[in-house]
Amino acid sequence: MLEGPDREAWQRPELIMDALGIGDGSVVADLGAGGGWFTVRLAKRVGPNGVVYAEDIQPQMIEAIQRRVQREGLGNVSTVLGAADHPALPQGRLDAALMVDTFHEVEDTRSLLTNVRAALKPGGRLGIIEYRSDGGGPGPSPEERMPSAQVVRAAEAAGFRFVRQEQFLPYQYMLVFTR
């Protein structure tokens, strides 16, 4: 599922990056980066003048991302081994942070989001993408899916301001917040 051949079609990474205003020279974080599927796309988008922090809490995922970016010749990716409640990102440096299909796994959402907020520049954006509760498509079972209102409440409790919910993903929702 993480690397399915049709993921590009239904995940729509270009539209996600557009919605977060990610462009050439941006400094961004891929939180819960897994094997680096999104990391590679972010790195190509931000170009050689930008930086992508690929963060995960599993050392084996960090190793997989390091191999992948080396294979792809991407010199603008910095891997970060974070903790469940603290992504260990540099303070006040990020233009945007992205969490794709990982928020439902976070136990201490307030601590994590407070630390993500501190890593964002003033006006920095956070995008959270999760599978819709109504089921359908790939992804976790309906019991594991999180309603968008629950994510909004958690982000607001950590000091984020909800900006909008994007509607372009077929199986997921995308929530955009600002610092």
Protein backbone atom coordinates (compact mmCIF):
# COMPACT_ATOMS: atom_id res chain seq x y z
CA MET A 1 0.00 0.00 0.00
CA LEU A 2 2.82 2.43 0.87
CA GLU A 3 4.40 2.03 -2.56
CA GLY A 4 1.53 0.77 -4.73
CA PRO A 5 1.87 1.40 -8.47
CA ASP A 6 -1.37 3.41 -8.53
CA ARG A 7 -0.54 5.59 -5.51
CA GLU A 8 0.53 8.53 -7.66
CA ALA A 9 -2.95 8.61 -9.24
CA TRP A 10 -4.99 8.61 -6.03
CA GLN A 11 -2.55 10.36 -3.67
CA ARG A 12 -2.12 13.35 -6.02
CA PRO A 13 1.18 14.59 -4.56
CA GLU A 14 1.47 17.59 -6.89
CA LEU A 15 -1.89 18.96 -5.72
CA ILE A 16 -0.96 18.33 -2.08
CA MET A 17 2.29 20.27 -2.48
CA ASP A 18 0.43 23.06 -4.31
CA ALA A 19 -2.12 23.28 -1.47
CA LEU A 20 0.72 23.81 1.03
CA GLY A 21 2.49 26.37 -1.14
CA ILE A 22 5.60 24.20 -1.47
CA GLY A 23 7.89 25.40 -4.22
CA ASP A 24 11.49 25.91 -5.24
CA GLY A 25 13.61 26.76 -2.21
CA SER A 26 11.03 25.72 0.41
CA VAL A 27 12.11 24.12 3.67
CA VAL A 28 9.69 21.31 4.52
CA ALA A 29 9.29 18.26 6.74
CA ASP A 30 7.83 14.90 5.82
CA LEU A 31 6.64 13.64 9.22
CA GLY A 32 6.31 9.89 9.54
CA ALA A 33 8.10 9.61 6.21
CA GLY A 34 8.09 5.81 6.11
CA GLY A 35 10.06 4.61 3.10
CA GLY A 36 10.31 8.08 1.61
CA TRP A 37 7.66 7.98 -1.12
CA PHE A 38 6.61 11.58 -0.40
CA THR A 39 10.13 12.64 0.60
CA VAL A 40 11.41 12.06 -2.93
CA ARG A 41 8.58 14.08 -4.46
CA LEU A 42 9.08 16.91 -1.97
CA ALA A 43 12.84 16.95 -2.65
CA LYS A 44 12.28 17.26 -6.39
CA ARG A 45 9.74 20.05 -5.83
CA VAL A 46 11.90 22.18 -3.50
CA GLY A 47 14.97 21.72 -5.71
CA PRO A 48 18.62 22.20 -4.77
CA ASN A 49 17.90 25.46 -2.92
CA GLY A 50 15.35 23.80 -0.63
CA VAL A 51 15.58 21.28 2.17
CA VAL A 52 13.41 18.29 3.10
CA TYR A 53 13.59 16.88 6.60
CA ALA A 54 12.46 13.26 6.33
CA GLU A 55 11.41 12.35 9.87
CA ASP A 56 10.38 8.98 11.22
CA ILE A 57 10.53 7.25 14.61
CA GLN A 58 11.72 3.92 13.19
CA PRO A 59 15.46 3.60 12.51
CA GLN A 60 14.84 1.10 9.69
CA MET A 61 12.68 3.67 7.88
CA ILE A 62 15.41 6.31 8.22
CA GLU A 63 17.90 3.83 6.74
CA ALA A 64 15.52 3.05 3.87
CA ILE A 65 15.09 6.76 3.11
CA GLN A 66 18.86 7.32 3.19
CA ARG A 67 19.35 4.52 0.65
CA ARG A 68 16.54 5.84 -1.51
CA VAL A 69 17.71 9.45 -1.67
CA GLN A 70 21.27 8.30 -2.37
CA ARG A 71 19.99 6.11 -5.22
CA GLU A 72 17.98 9.04 -6.58
CA GLY A 73 20.92 11.45 -6.20
CA LEU A 74 19.00 13.87 -3.96
CA GLY A 75 21.35 15.99 -1.86
CA ASN A 76 18.66 18.17 -0.29
CA VAL A 77 17.20 15.58 2.11
CA SER A 78 18.16 15.42 5.77
CA THR A 79 16.89 12.39 7.68
CA VAL A 80 15.76 12.85 11.27
CA LEU A 81 15.12 10.10 13.80
CA GLY A 82 12.38 11.59 15.95
CA ALA A 83 10.41 10.41 18.96
CA ALA A 84 6.70 9.66 19.09
CA ASP A 85 5.94 13.01 20.75
CA HIS A 86 8.83 15.08 19.37
CA PRO A 87 9.99 15.08 15.74
CA ALA A 88 13.39 16.66 16.63
CA LEU A 89 13.14 19.30 13.91
CA PRO A 90 15.02 22.62 13.95
CA GLN A 91 13.03 25.42 15.59
CA GLY A 92 11.40 28.10 13.43
CA ARG A 93 12.90 26.82 10.17
CA LEU A 94 10.06 25.15 8.23
CA ASP A 95 7.83 26.72 5.60
CA ALA A 96 5.60 23.63 5.70
CA ALA A 97 5.20 20.24 7.35
CA LEU A 98 3.28 17.30 5.95
CA MET A 99 1.82 14.27 7.74
CA VAL A 100 0.43 11.68 5.35
CA ASP A 101 -1.50 8.73 6.80
CA THR A 102 0.31 8.86 10.15
CA PHE A 103 -1.75 11.08 12.45
CA HIS A 104 -4.11 8.27 13.46
CA GLU A 105 -1.10 6.42 14.92
CA VAL A 106 0.04 9.28 17.19
CA GLU A 107 -0.75 8.76 20.87
CA ASP A 108 0.24 12.17 22.29
CA THR A 109 -1.07 14.46 19.55
CA ARG A 110 -0.78 17.63 21.63
CA SER A 111 2.95 17.19 22.36
CA LEU A 112 3.73 16.19 18.80
CA LEU A 113 1.79 19.07 17.26
CA THR A 114 3.18 21.60 19.74
CA ASN A 115 6.68 20.55 18.69
CA VAL A 116 5.77 20.66 14.99
CA ARG A 117 4.33 24.16 15.48
CA ALA A 118 7.62 25.30 17.07
CA ALA A 119 9.52 24.04 14.01
CA LEU A 120 7.41 26.16 11.64
CA LYS A 121 8.25 29.73 10.67
CA PRO A 122 5.57 32.34 11.47
CA GLY A 123 2.87 31.72 8.87
CA GLY A 124 4.19 28.20 8.25
CA ARG A 125 1.68 25.59 7.12
CA LEU A 126 0.84 22.09 8.30
CA GLY A 127 -0.93 19.59 6.06
CA ILE A 128 -2.50 16.50 7.61
CA ILE A 129 -3.84 13.80 5.33
CA GLU A 130 -5.84 10.87 6.62
CA TYR A 131 -8.25 8.34 5.19
CA ARG A 132 -11.91 9.33 5.33
CA SER A 133 -14.05 7.55 7.90
CA ASP A 134 -16.64 6.52 5.34
CA GLY A 135 -14.26 3.85 4.04
CA GLY A 136 -13.47 3.06 0.47
CA GLY A 137 -10.20 2.78 -1.36
CA PRO A 138 -6.91 1.61 0.07
CA GLY A 139 -5.86 2.29 3.63
CA PRO A 140 -6.59 1.05 7.12
CA SER A 141 -9.82 -0.57 8.26
CA PRO A 142 -12.72 1.80 9.00
CA GLU A 143 -12.16 1.33 12.77
CA GLU A 144 -8.62 2.73 12.48
CA ARG A 145 -9.66 5.85 10.54
CA MET A 146 -9.99 9.20 12.26
CA PRO A 147 -12.75 11.75 11.62
CA SER A 148 -11.46 15.08 10.31
CA ALA A 149 -13.17 17.00 13.14
CA GLN A 150 -11.07 15.10 15.67
CA VAL A 151 -7.86 16.11 13.86
CA VAL A 152 -8.98 19.75 13.72
CA ARG A 153 -9.68 19.77 17.48
CA ALA A 154 -6.26 18.26 18.23
CA ALA A 155 -4.42 20.78 16.03
CA GLU A 156 -6.31 23.74 17.46
CA ALA A 157 -5.55 22.53 21.00
CA ALA A 158 -1.84 22.68 20.07
CA GLY A 159 -2.15 26.29 18.86
CA PHE A 160 -2.74 25.81 15.14
CA ARG A 161 -5.35 27.74 13.17
CA PHE A 162 -7.50 25.67 10.81
CA VAL A 163 -7.43 27.16 7.31
CA ARG A 164 -9.35 24.76 5.07
CA GLN A 165 -10.16 21.19 4.08
CA GLU A 166 -9.17 20.26 0.54
CA GLN A 167 -11.57 18.12 -1.49
CA PHE A 168 -9.40 16.76 -4.32
CA LEU A 169 -8.39 13.39 -2.82
CA PRO A 170 -10.66 10.44 -3.64
CA TYR A 171 -10.14 8.37 -0.45
CA GLN A 172 -8.69 10.86 2.01
CA TYR A 173 -9.14 14.33 3.41
CA MET A 174 -6.47 16.99 3.56
CA LEU A 175 -6.57 19.54 6.34
CA VAL A 176 -4.45 22.70 6.13
CA PHE A 177 -3.42 24.61 9.24
CA THR A 178 -1.19 27.59 9.88
CA ARG A 179 1.06 28.44 12.79
